[in-house]
Amino acid sequence: MKKILLGCIALSIATGLIAQRPTGPTTGTPAATPAASAADPKSASFNIPFNPDATVTSEHEATIKGVRIPYKATVGTMPVWDKDGKIEAGVFFTYYERTDIKDKSTRPLLISFNGGPGTAALWMQIGYTGPRILNIDDEGYPIQPYGMKDNPHSVLDVCDIVYVDPVNTGFSRPISKDIPTTRFFGVRADVQYLAEWINTFVTRMNRWASPKYLIGESYGTTRVSGLALELQNAHWMFLNGVILVSPTTLGIERSPREAAALRLPYYAATAWYHKKLPSDLQKKDLTDMLPEVEAFTMNELIPAINKGWLLGDAKRKEIAAKMSRYSGIDEKVILQNNLDVSTNLFWKELLREEGFTVGRLDSRYKGIDKKDAGESPDYNSELLSWEHSFTPAINMYLREELKYKTDQRYYVFGPVNPWDRTNDRTGDNLRTAMAENPFLHVLVQSGYYDGACDYFNAQYNLWQMDPSGRLKDRMSWEGYRSGHMMYLRKEDLEKSNDNLRKFIKRTIPKPGQPAKY
């Protein structure tokens, strides 16, 4: 067993951080930006010892689906090399291997990423698929004392799992301040160096024969969609599945008019949850109510918004009345905004009369602003709640239970800006990877109450990725009655893991089955 070696290479971290709590006109997924009072990460000293290639292992057991599962946890860093073979960074990971399985050739490997793009892998590691999860209540809210417990629904029974922290997240760091950040911080750069790292990991862990799966959440879906093609074309590594949890738009273009219309089904789901819909809609179950809103969105709202002033006053008022019926927002507000109600305004407006805002990433959460007036919430109530519960737990777990000893700060959100978002073709990359690899399947998991990466846009991705429908039999979508991190709700933790387990089992080909059309 390797010991963690500290002190080999000097490395600095940004001492004043960083966690972004998106407010104002922010859209998309959470990204890390320095807080106003934080020191510039680029000017911070690189003085805390850091070894980019060191691990520690420990043995554990967990009861999963009623069966006692022995496993080994390997935690530490593996290098990222430049084109000349020099180490540029150390990427931190946690790798769980079931130890009572001797033949790894048929044992699936699940490679897990979170998003941001500047956030670490803690969310799915100790909230969703890992063998240990944090203590929260049944709806996902923080409780004290902080701590960890066995995850009875973890997919470790059917696959080994590695959780990966990209550079400047978690304990991952570049080895020098002189290494250009463009090497890591951008859609293409991120995919390229992480594909190289995965190649190293798979080689060192002797997992080339294993069926392989990528899972990403939020911006992690952009990441794994790009990785699917990069691994295939640049590393000759072919996957069996890609799981997209709360996906971004994956670089699939929407006009501003389409974007405005496609938000309405999410608004309807949120309004239903907070009992703001008319009685005939409110008395229906959520999934019985939404198809009506979805049909209106696709068949009436998109064409209407695209017409602009050609729509005419009478028709505009008719459309606004329907939008009000489905969203819980007053018709006057909708008309004042030319049928384009921003998410920020919706989060502020829906419960304004009650003195609350609703959460961005999970609209079940409520917040309280300084003023009821205004067009956007003061803060993201759900993200603050999650940071409250996850941050103590991940530090306790890695440092105390898994024995990773370091003075580095664990970056829940790390300094990764500026992030180059140009040339994002990751949705099309994933479609190309599927076309080239008949074994590759895609599963999408969405929360109905996620306002950052909403469920209807996730479905829209699939329709636009594969307009011919030739790949649709290898694509599936699932909805859950929670938000961005749907697994924080106890009922959905079990359901989503069970569906992931079924997906993995279903997409492993039978012995001798060829990959061909």
Protein backbone atom coordinates (compact mmCIF):
# COMPACT_ATOMS: atom_id res chain seq x y z
CA MET A 1 0.00 0.00 0.00
CA LYS A 2 1.31 3.36 -1.00
CA LYS A 3 1.64 6.02 1.67
CA ILE A 4 0.63 9.59 0.98
CA LEU A 5 3.84 11.51 0.41
CA LEU A 6 3.66 15.13 1.35
CA GLY A 7 6.35 17.63 0.71
CA CYS A 8 7.65 16.44 -2.65
CA ILE A 9 6.50 19.36 -4.72
CA ALA A 10 5.60 22.86 -3.61
CA LEU A 11 2.21 23.96 -4.69
CA SER A 12 0.06 26.94 -3.85
CA ILE A 13 -3.62 27.15 -3.42
CA ALA A 14 -5.89 30.11 -3.47
CA THR A 15 -6.37 30.95 0.17
CA GLY A 16 -9.34 33.18 -0.23
CA LEU A 17 -12.13 31.42 -2.07
CA ILE A 18 -14.53 31.18 -4.12
CA ALA A 19 -17.75 29.28 -3.83
CA GLN A 20 -20.13 30.80 -6.27
CA ARG A 21 -23.69 31.32 -5.23
CA PRO A 22 -25.24 32.47 -8.54
CA THR A 23 -27.49 35.51 -8.25
CA GLY A 24 -28.81 38.19 -10.55
CA PRO A 25 -29.00 37.28 -14.22
CA THR A 26 -26.96 34.08 -13.98
CA THR A 27 -28.14 31.21 -16.19
CA GLY A 28 -26.85 27.71 -16.84
CA THR A 29 -25.01 25.63 -14.27
CA PRO A 30 -23.06 26.83 -11.22
CA ALA A 31 -19.54 27.94 -12.00
CA ALA A 32 -16.87 28.98 -9.54
CA THR A 33 -15.97 32.65 -9.27
CA PRO A 34 -13.94 34.36 -6.55
CA ALA A 35 -15.91 36.05 -3.82
CA ALA A 36 -15.49 39.80 -3.68
CA SER A 37 -13.18 39.64 -0.69
CA ALA A 38 -11.18 36.64 -1.92
CA ALA A 39 -7.52 36.85 -2.85
CA ASP A 40 -6.71 36.37 -6.52
CA PRO A 41 -5.90 32.63 -6.91
CA LYS A 42 -3.30 33.49 -9.56
CA SER A 43 -1.31 35.55 -7.08
CA ALA A 44 -1.53 33.11 -4.16
CA SER A 45 1.68 31.43 -2.98
CA PHE A 46 2.32 27.80 -3.92
CA ASN A 47 3.74 26.74 -0.58
CA ILE A 48 1.58 23.89 0.71
CA PRO A 49 3.22 20.51 0.03
CA PHE A 50 1.54 18.48 -2.70
CA ASN A 51 2.39 15.17 -4.32
CA PRO A 52 0.68 14.68 -7.70
CA ASP A 53 1.21 10.91 -7.66
CA ALA A 54 0.40 9.26 -4.33
CA THR A 55 -2.42 7.12 -2.94
CA VAL A 56 -3.59 5.45 0.24
CA THR A 57 -5.90 2.41 0.45
CA SER A 58 -8.26 1.06 3.07
CA GLU A 59 -10.63 -1.89 3.40
CA HIS A 60 -14.37 -1.52 4.12
CA GLU A 61 -17.76 -3.20 4.00
CA ALA A 62 -21.24 -1.88 3.25
CA THR A 63 -24.70 -3.42 3.14
CA ILE A 64 -26.20 -2.69 -0.28
CA LYS A 65 -29.65 -3.97 -1.28
CA GLY A 66 -29.50 -6.21 1.76
CA VAL A 67 -26.17 -7.84 0.84
CA ARG A 68 -22.89 -7.27 2.66
CA ILE A 69 -20.36 -5.97 0.09
CA PRO A 70 -16.62 -5.88 0.86
CA TYR A 71 -14.69 -3.17 -0.95
CA LYS A 72 -11.38 -1.36 -1.12
CA ALA A 73 -11.13 2.43 -1.25
CA THR A 74 -8.11 3.97 -2.99
CA VAL A 75 -7.82 7.71 -2.55
CA GLY A 76 -5.13 10.06 -3.82
CA THR A 77 -3.66 11.62 -6.94
CA MET A 78 -2.49 10.57 -10.40
CA PRO A 79 -0.54 12.86 -12.73
CA VAL A 80 -1.47 14.86 -15.78
CA TRP A 81 1.47 15.01 -18.19
CA ASP A 82 2.32 17.51 -20.91
CA LYS A 83 3.37 16.50 -24.42
CA ASP A 84 6.98 16.12 -23.26
CA GLY A 85 6.10 13.75 -20.43
CA LYS A 86 6.49 16.30 -17.64
CA ILE A 87 3.95 16.38 -14.82
CA GLU A 88 1.67 19.42 -14.97
CA ALA A 89 -0.90 18.57 -12.31
CA GLY A 90 -2.18 15.95 -9.94
CA VAL A 91 -5.81 14.87 -10.29
CA PHE A 92 -7.43 13.69 -7.08
CA PHE A 93 -9.73 10.66 -7.15
CA THR A 94 -11.54 8.16 -4.95
CA TYR A 95 -11.78 4.63 -6.34
CA TYR A 96 -14.06 1.96 -4.89
CA GLU A 97 -13.44 -1.67 -5.87
CA ARG A 98 -15.56 -4.58 -4.75
CA THR A 99 -13.02 -7.09 -3.42
CA ASP A 100 -14.97 -10.36 -3.69
CA ILE A 101 -15.01 -10.16 -7.51
CA LYS A 102 -11.95 -11.81 -8.99
CA ASP A 103 -12.65 -11.50 -12.73
CA LYS A 104 -12.53 -7.79 -13.60
CA SER A 105 -13.01 -8.41 -17.32
CA THR A 106 -16.79 -8.47 -16.94
CA ARG A 107 -16.97 -6.09 -13.97
CA PRO A 108 -18.25 -2.65 -15.11
CA LEU A 109 -16.30 0.51 -14.26
CA LEU A 110 -18.25 3.74 -13.63
CA ILE A 111 -16.23 6.97 -14.02
CA SER A 112 -17.98 9.85 -12.25
CA PHE A 113 -17.70 13.63 -12.70
CA ASN A 114 -19.57 16.60 -11.31
CA GLY A 115 -19.85 19.97 -12.93
CA GLY A 116 -19.64 23.66 -12.23
CA PRO A 117 -17.31 23.48 -14.24
CA GLY A 118 -15.36 24.29 -11.08
CA THR A 119 -16.84 21.88 -8.59
CA ALA A 120 -15.54 18.61 -7.17
CA ALA A 121 -16.99 15.10 -7.30
CA LEU A 122 -18.36 15.18 -3.75
CA TRP A 123 -22.01 15.63 -4.74
CA MET A 124 -22.55 12.29 -6.41
CA GLN A 125 -19.85 10.56 -4.34
CA ILE A 126 -21.41 11.09 -0.92
CA GLY A 127 -24.90 12.01 -2.08
CA TYR A 128 -25.81 9.49 -4.78
CA THR A 129 -23.91 6.41 -5.96
CA GLY A 130 -21.07 5.87 -3.47
CA PRO A 131 -21.07 3.30 -0.64
CA ARG A 132 -21.13 6.03 2.02
CA ILE A 133 -23.51 9.00 2.06
CA LEU A 134 -23.93 12.05 4.23
CA ASN A 135 -26.54 12.48 6.96
CA ILE A 136 -29.47 14.59 5.73
CA ASP A 137 -33.19 14.41 6.29
CA ASP A 138 -35.53 12.55 3.92
CA GLU A 139 -36.04 15.63 1.73
CA GLY A 140 -32.34 16.55 1.56
CA TYR A 141 -32.02 19.27 4.20
CA PRO A 142 -29.00 19.56 6.54
CA ILE A 143 -29.09 18.00 9.99
CA GLN A 144 -26.58 17.93 12.82
CA PRO A 145 -24.44 16.33 14.01
CA TYR A 146 -22.77 16.02 10.61
CA GLY A 147 -21.60 12.58 9.59
CA MET A 148 -21.71 9.65 7.20
CA LYS A 149 -23.64 6.40 6.93
CA ASP A 150 -23.79 3.40 4.61
CA ASN A 151 -25.69 3.93 1.36
CA PRO A 152 -28.07 0.96 1.01
CA HIS A 153 -28.75 1.90 -2.63
CA SER A 154 -25.19 2.39 -3.94
CA VAL A 155 -24.45 0.81 -7.32
CA LEU A 156 -21.15 -0.58 -5.98
CA ASP A 157 -22.82 -3.97 -5.94
CA VAL A 158 -22.89 -4.00 -9.77
CA CYS A 159 -19.90 -1.83 -10.73
CA ASP A 160 -16.66 -0.36 -9.41
CA ILE A 161 -16.68 3.44 -9.22
CA VAL A 162 -14.05 6.18 -9.51
CA TYR A 163 -14.90 9.78 -8.60
CA VAL A 164 -12.67 12.32 -10.33
CA ASP A 165 -11.91 15.92 -9.29
CA PRO A 166 -10.68 18.01 -12.26
CA VAL A 167 -7.82 20.45 -11.73
CA ASN A 168 -8.51 23.11 -9.08
CA THR A 169 -11.44 21.18 -7.62
CA GLY A 170 -11.30 18.99 -4.53
CA PHE A 171 -7.62 18.32 -3.79
CA SER A 172 -6.54 18.44 -7.47
CA ARG A 173 -3.91 21.07 -8.28
CA PRO A 174 -1.43 22.16 -10.95
CA ILE A 175 2.12 21.70 -9.70
CA SER A 176 3.22 25.22 -10.57
CA LYS A 177 1.74 28.68 -10.96
CA ASP A 178 3.65 28.90 -14.24
CA ILE A 179 1.51 26.29 -15.96
CA PRO A 180 -1.01 28.13 -18.17
CA THR A 181 -4.60 27.71 -17.03
CA THR A 182 -5.65 27.32 -20.65
CA ARG A 183 -4.24 23.81 -20.38
CA PHE A 184 -7.21 22.88 -18.17
CA PHE A 185 -9.94 25.52 -18.15
CA GLY A 186 -12.17 25.24 -21.21
CA VAL A 187 -14.61 22.89 -22.92
CA ARG A 188 -11.99 21.32 -25.20
CA ALA A 189 -9.01 21.53 -22.85
CA ASP A 190 -11.01 19.89 -20.06
CA VAL A 191 -12.03 16.97 -22.25
CA GLN A 192 -8.55 16.45 -23.69
CA TYR A 193 -6.54 16.31 -20.47
CA LEU A 194 -9.16 14.29 -18.60
CA ALA A 195 -9.25 11.72 -21.42
CA GLU A 196 -5.48 11.37 -21.03
CA TRP A 197 -5.93 10.97 -17.29
CA ILE A 198 -8.63 8.30 -17.72
CA ASN A 199 -6.27 6.40 -20.01
CA THR A 200 -3.63 6.45 -17.26
CA PHE A 201 -6.14 5.37 -14.62
CA VAL A 202 -7.56 2.49 -16.66
CA THR A 203 -4.05 1.29 -17.49
CA ARG A 204 -2.75 1.46 -13.91
CA MET A 205 -5.84 -0.24 -12.50
CA ASN A 206 -5.87 -2.96 -15.22
CA ARG A 207 -9.41 -2.10 -16.37
CA TRP A 208 -9.06 -2.15 -20.14
CA ALA A 209 -11.24 -5.27 -20.43
CA SER A 210 -14.05 -3.89 -18.27
CA PRO A 211 -17.31 -2.48 -19.65
CA LYS A 212 -16.96 1.26 -19.07
CA TYR A 213 -19.49 3.94 -18.21
CA LEU A 214 -19.24 7.70 -17.76
CA ILE A 215 -21.63 9.58 -15.50
CA GLY A 216 -21.72 13.36 -15.22
CA GLU A 217 -23.93 15.84 -13.41
CA SER A 218 -24.69 19.41 -14.53
CA TYR A 219 -21.61 20.72 -16.38
CA GLY A 220 -20.31 17.19 -15.89
CA THR A 221 -22.77 16.19 -18.62
CA THR A 222 -20.99 18.55 -21.02
CA ARG A 223 -17.73 16.95 -19.87
CA VAL A 224 -18.74 13.30 -20.30
CA SER A 225 -20.50 13.94 -23.62
CA GLY A 226 -17.24 15.33 -25.00
CA LEU A 227 -15.21 12.59 -23.34
CA ALA A 228 -17.24 9.84 -25.02
CA LEU A 229 -15.96 10.86 -28.45
CA GLU A 230 -12.49 11.93 -27.26
CA LEU A 231 -11.86 8.58 -25.56
CA GLN A 232 -13.12 6.74 -28.61
CA ASN A 233 -11.21 8.67 -31.26
CA ALA A 234 -8.01 9.67 -29.45
CA HIS A 235 -7.54 6.74 -27.04
CA TRP A 236 -9.39 3.86 -28.74
CA MET A 237 -11.43 3.40 -25.58
CA PHE A 238 -15.04 2.45 -26.32
CA LEU A 239 -17.84 2.87 -23.79
CA ASN A 240 -21.02 0.96 -23.02
CA GLY A 241 -22.91 3.87 -21.54
CA VAL A 242 -23.05 7.58 -20.73
CA ILE A 243 -25.34 8.81 -17.96
CA LEU A 244 -26.35 12.47 -17.97
CA VAL A 245 -27.66 13.71 -14.61
CA SER A 246 -29.36 17.11 -14.85
CA PRO A 247 -27.79 17.89 -18.23
CA THR A 248 -26.82 21.25 -19.67
CA THR A 249 -27.81 22.21 -23.21
CA LEU A 250 -24.69 20.30 -24.41
CA GLY A 251 -23.88 23.04 -26.91
CA ILE A 252 -27.13 22.42 -28.80
CA GLU A 253 -28.24 25.84 -29.99
CA ARG A 254 -31.53 27.41 -28.99
CA SER A 255 -32.66 30.79 -30.18
CA PRO A 256 -33.59 33.27 -27.43
CA ARG A 257 -37.25 32.70 -28.38
CA GLU A 258 -36.96 28.92 -28.06
CA ALA A 259 -35.17 29.28 -24.74
CA ALA A 260 -37.95 31.53 -23.40
CA ALA A 261 -40.65 29.05 -24.38
CA LEU A 262 -38.91 25.86 -23.26
CA ARG A 263 -38.81 27.07 -19.64
CA LEU A 264 -42.59 26.93 -19.24
CA PRO A 265 -42.98 23.22 -18.33
CA TYR A 266 -40.46 23.71 -15.49
CA TYR A 267 -42.44 26.74 -14.32
CA ALA A 268 -45.59 24.62 -14.34
CA ALA A 269 -43.96 21.86 -12.28
CA THR A 270 -42.74 24.38 -9.71
CA ALA A 271 -46.10 26.17 -9.55
CA TRP A 272 -47.81 22.79 -9.06
CA TYR A 273 -45.46 21.96 -6.18
CA HIS A 274 -46.23 25.28 -4.46
CA LYS A 275 -49.98 24.93 -5.19
CA LYS A 276 -50.16 28.00 -7.42
CA LEU A 277 -52.07 26.49 -10.36
CA PRO A 278 -55.84 26.67 -11.06
CA SER A 279 -57.81 23.97 -9.26
CA ASP A 280 -58.43 21.83 -12.36
CA LEU A 281 -54.67 21.54 -12.94
CA GLN A 282 -53.73 21.41 -9.27
CA LYS A 283 -55.91 18.40 -8.56
CA LYS A 284 -54.10 16.37 -11.24
CA ASP A 285 -50.93 14.49 -10.43
CA LEU A 286 -47.75 16.23 -11.61
CA THR A 287 -47.01 13.86 -14.46
CA ASP A 288 -50.65 13.91 -15.58
CA MET A 289 -50.66 17.71 -15.70
CA LEU A 290 -47.35 18.35 -17.49
CA PRO A 291 -48.15 16.84 -20.94
CA GLU A 292 -50.75 19.56 -21.51
CA VAL A 293 -48.15 22.25 -20.80
CA GLU A 294 -45.51 20.52 -22.92
CA ALA A 295 -47.89 20.31 -25.91
CA PHE A 296 -48.78 24.00 -25.58
CA THR A 297 -45.08 24.88 -25.39
CA MET A 298 -44.12 23.03 -28.56
CA ASN A 299 -47.25 23.63 -30.64
CA GLU A 300 -48.34 27.15 -29.66
CA LEU A 301 -45.83 29.04 -27.53
CA ILE A 302 -42.69 28.64 -29.64
CA PRO A 303 -44.48 29.75 -32.85
CA ALA A 304 -46.18 32.62 -31.00
CA ILE A 305 -42.98 34.05 -29.49
CA ASN A 306 -41.21 33.73 -32.82
CA LYS A 307 -43.81 36.00 -34.45
CA GLY A 308 -42.95 39.00 -32.26
CA TRP A 309 -45.27 41.97 -32.90
CA LEU A 310 -46.82 40.13 -35.87
CA LEU A 311 -48.65 38.04 -33.27
CA GLY A 312 -51.09 40.88 -32.64
CA ASP A 313 -52.47 42.17 -29.35
CA ALA A 314 -55.45 39.82 -29.07
CA LYS A 315 -53.42 36.68 -29.73
CA ARG A 316 -50.64 37.89 -27.43
CA LYS A 317 -53.15 38.32 -24.61
CA GLU A 318 -54.56 34.83 -25.29
CA ILE A 319 -51.09 33.27 -25.13
CA ALA A 320 -50.22 35.23 -21.98
CA ALA A 321 -53.41 34.01 -20.31
CA LYS A 322 -52.42 30.40 -20.98
CA MET A 323 -48.88 31.02 -19.77
CA SER A 324 -50.31 32.51 -16.58
CA ARG A 325 -52.57 29.50 -16.12
CA TYR A 326 -49.59 27.13 -16.42
CA SER A 327 -46.95 29.12 -14.53
CA GLY A 328 -48.70 30.73 -11.57
CA ILE A 329 -47.38 34.13 -12.74
CA ASP A 330 -49.82 37.01 -13.23
CA GLU A 331 -50.82 37.63 -16.84
CA LYS A 332 -49.87 41.32 -16.49
CA VAL A 333 -46.28 40.38 -15.57
CA ILE A 334 -46.07 38.06 -18.57
CA LEU A 335 -47.31 40.77 -20.95
CA GLN A 336 -44.92 43.31 -19.44
CA ASN A 337 -42.10 40.93 -20.35
CA ASN A 338 -43.30 40.22 -23.90
CA LEU A 339 -44.05 36.55 -23.06
CA ASP A 340 -40.43 36.06 -21.93
CA VAL A 341 -40.34 35.61 -18.16
CA SER A 342 -36.74 35.02 -17.08
CA THR A 343 -35.94 32.33 -14.54
CA ASN A 344 -34.66 34.97 -12.11
CA LEU A 345 -37.95 36.83 -12.26
CA PHE A 346 -39.91 33.60 -11.88
CA TRP A 347 -37.94 32.58 -8.76
CA LYS A 348 -38.65 36.00 -7.27
CA GLU A 349 -42.25 36.40 -8.43
CA LEU A 350 -43.95 33.06 -7.74
CA LEU A 351 -44.08 33.41 -3.94
CA ARG A 352 -43.52 37.16 -3.72
CA GLU A 353 -46.83 37.79 -1.92
CA GLU A 354 -45.85 35.23 0.73
CA GLY A 355 -42.43 36.81 1.28
CA PHE A 356 -40.39 33.95 -0.16
CA THR A 357 -38.24 33.21 -3.19
CA VAL A 358 -37.81 29.72 -4.66
CA GLY A 359 -34.52 27.93 -5.28
CA ARG A 360 -32.71 27.94 -8.59
CA LEU A 361 -31.36 24.38 -8.61
CA ASP A 362 -34.30 22.98 -6.66
CA SER A 363 -37.44 25.08 -6.49
CA ARG A 364 -38.80 23.16 -3.51
CA TYR A 365 -36.41 25.25 -1.38
CA LYS A 366 -37.51 28.67 -0.13
CA GLY A 367 -35.42 31.76 0.58
CA ILE A 368 -36.04 35.09 2.28
CA ASP A 369 -34.81 38.30 0.64
CA LYS A 370 -34.13 41.66 2.26
CA LYS A 371 -36.84 43.20 0.06
CA ASP A 372 -39.89 41.63 -1.51
CA ALA A 373 -39.42 44.02 -4.43
CA GLY A 374 -36.95 43.30 -7.21
CA GLU A 375 -36.49 40.99 -10.17
CA SER A 376 -34.20 38.26 -8.80
CA PRO A 377 -33.49 36.50 -5.48
CA ASP A 378 -30.71 37.71 -3.21
CA TYR A 379 -29.19 34.24 -2.96
CA ASN A 380 -29.65 30.60 -3.94
CA SER A 381 -31.38 28.97 -0.99
CA GLU A 382 -30.83 25.40 -2.21
CA LEU A 383 -27.10 25.78 -2.89
CA LEU A 384 -26.44 27.26 0.55
CA SER A 385 -28.34 24.36 2.08
CA TRP A 386 -26.26 21.82 0.14
CA GLU A 387 -22.97 23.48 1.01
CA HIS A 388 -24.08 23.41 4.63
CA SER A 389 -24.49 19.63 4.61
CA PHE A 390 -21.84 18.47 2.13
CA THR A 391 -18.77 20.49 3.12
CA PRO A 392 -18.28 19.17 6.66
CA ALA A 393 -19.12 15.64 5.55
CA ILE A 394 -16.62 15.40 2.67
CA ASN A 395 -13.79 16.84 4.77
CA MET A 396 -14.53 14.45 7.62
CA TYR A 397 -14.88 11.49 5.29
CA LEU A 398 -11.72 11.92 3.20
CA ARG A 399 -9.45 13.09 6.01
CA GLU A 400 -10.67 10.89 8.85
CA GLU A 401 -12.38 7.80 7.43
CA LEU A 402 -10.29 7.32 4.27
CA LYS A 403 -7.12 8.65 5.95
CA TYR A 404 -6.06 11.13 3.26
CA LYS A 405 -3.80 13.53 5.14
CA THR A 406 -3.13 16.94 3.62
CA ASP A 407 -3.17 20.60 4.58
CA GLN A 408 -4.71 21.50 1.23
CA ARG A 409 -8.11 23.12 1.29
CA TYR A 410 -10.80 20.94 -0.27
CA TYR A 411 -12.26 23.04 -3.06
CA VAL A 412 -16.01 22.43 -3.15
CA PHE A 413 -15.95 25.19 -5.77
CA GLY A 414 -12.51 26.05 -7.10
CA PRO A 415 -10.92 28.88 -9.12
CA VAL A 416 -11.31 27.85 -12.77
CA ASN A 417 -12.09 31.15 -14.45
CA PRO A 418 -11.80 32.27 -17.15
CA TRP A 419 -13.39 29.17 -18.67
CA ASP A 420 -13.28 28.93 -22.46
CA ARG A 421 -16.79 27.94 -23.53
CA THR A 422 -16.20 28.23 -27.26
CA ASN A 423 -16.52 25.24 -29.58
CA ASP A 424 -18.99 23.41 -27.36
CA ARG A 425 -20.27 20.70 -29.67
CA THR A 426 -20.55 18.09 -26.96
CA GLY A 427 -24.12 17.03 -27.74
CA ASP A 428 -23.14 16.34 -31.31
CA ASN A 429 -19.93 14.68 -30.06
CA LEU A 430 -22.04 12.25 -28.06
CA ARG A 431 -24.30 11.51 -31.01
CA THR A 432 -21.26 10.84 -33.20
CA ALA A 433 -19.81 8.51 -30.56
CA MET A 434 -23.12 6.60 -30.48
CA ALA A 435 -23.23 6.34 -34.26
CA GLU A 436 -19.67 5.00 -34.36
CA ASN A 437 -20.17 2.58 -31.45
CA PRO A 438 -23.30 0.36 -31.56
CA PHE A 439 -22.72 -0.68 -27.94
CA LEU A 440 -23.01 2.89 -26.60
CA HIS A 441 -26.25 3.80 -24.77
CA VAL A 442 -27.34 7.05 -23.09
CA LEU A 443 -29.46 7.52 -19.97
CA VAL A 444 -30.70 10.96 -18.85
CA GLN A 445 -31.93 11.65 -15.31
CA SER A 446 -33.70 14.93 -14.50
CA GLY A 447 -35.49 16.54 -11.57
CA TYR A 448 -38.79 18.24 -12.37
CA TYR A 449 -37.94 21.10 -9.98
CA ASP A 450 -34.50 21.90 -11.41
CA GLY A 451 -34.48 25.44 -12.81
CA ALA A 452 -30.84 25.52 -13.93
CA CYS A 453 -30.86 22.40 -16.13
CA ASP A 454 -34.57 21.79 -16.49
CA TYR A 455 -36.19 18.52 -17.42
CA PHE A 456 -37.88 19.67 -20.63
CA ASN A 457 -34.65 21.05 -22.08
CA ALA A 458 -33.05 17.70 -21.26
CA GLN A 459 -35.69 15.99 -23.40
CA TYR A 460 -35.24 18.63 -26.10
CA ASN A 461 -31.52 17.74 -26.19
CA LEU A 462 -32.34 14.16 -27.17
CA TRP A 463 -34.78 15.20 -29.89
CA GLN A 464 -32.23 17.57 -31.43
CA MET A 465 -29.20 15.31 -31.02
CA ASP A 466 -30.90 12.60 -33.05
CA PRO A 467 -33.45 14.28 -35.34
CA SER A 468 -33.72 11.18 -37.53
CA GLY A 469 -34.68 9.00 -34.55
CA ARG A 470 -32.32 6.22 -35.61
CA LEU A 471 -30.57 6.21 -32.23
CA LYS A 472 -33.60 6.77 -30.02
CA ASP A 473 -33.81 3.12 -28.97
CA ARG A 474 -30.45 3.61 -27.24
CA MET A 475 -31.52 6.83 -25.50
CA SER A 476 -33.74 7.03 -22.42
CA TRP A 477 -34.95 9.78 -20.09
CA GLU A 478 -36.23 9.60 -16.50
CA GLY A 479 -37.88 12.27 -14.32
CA TYR A 480 -37.83 12.62 -10.54
CA ARG A 481 -39.87 14.72 -8.10
CA SER A 482 -36.95 16.73 -6.84
CA GLY A 483 -34.37 19.12 -8.25
CA HIS A 484 -30.88 19.28 -9.72
CA MET A 485 -29.58 16.74 -7.20
CA MET A 486 -32.64 14.54 -7.34
CA TYR A 487 -30.91 11.88 -5.24
CA LEU A 488 -31.01 14.04 -2.09
CA ARG A 489 -34.67 13.11 -1.65
CA LYS A 490 -34.76 9.70 0.00
CA GLU A 491 -37.39 8.23 -2.33
CA ASP A 492 -35.48 9.37 -5.41
CA LEU A 493 -32.13 8.16 -4.05
CA GLU A 494 -33.46 4.62 -4.16
CA LYS A 495 -35.31 5.02 -7.45
CA SER A 496 -32.47 6.71 -9.35
CA ASN A 497 -29.85 4.19 -8.19
CA ASP A 498 -32.14 1.30 -9.08
CA ASN A 499 -32.66 2.76 -12.56
CA LEU A 500 -28.91 3.26 -12.95
CA ARG A 501 -28.34 -0.34 -11.85
CA LYS A 502 -30.86 -1.58 -14.42
CA PHE A 503 -29.26 0.55 -17.15
CA ILE A 504 -25.81 -0.91 -16.49
CA LYS A 505 -27.08 -4.49 -16.47
CA ARG A 506 -29.14 -3.92 -19.61
CA THR A 507 -26.33 -2.40 -21.65
CA ILE A 508 -23.67 -5.07 -21.08
CA PRO A 509 -23.75 -7.20 -24.25
CA LYS A 510 -24.17 -10.95 -24.08
CA PRO A 511 -21.00 -13.04 -24.48
CA GLY A 512 -20.05 -13.19 -28.14
CA GLN A 513 -22.51 -10.47 -29.17
CA PRO A 514 -20.90 -8.33 -31.92
CA ALA A 515 -20.99 -4.53 -32.02
CA LYS A 516 -22.58 -4.02 -35.43
CA TYR A 517 -25.66 -2.65 -37.16
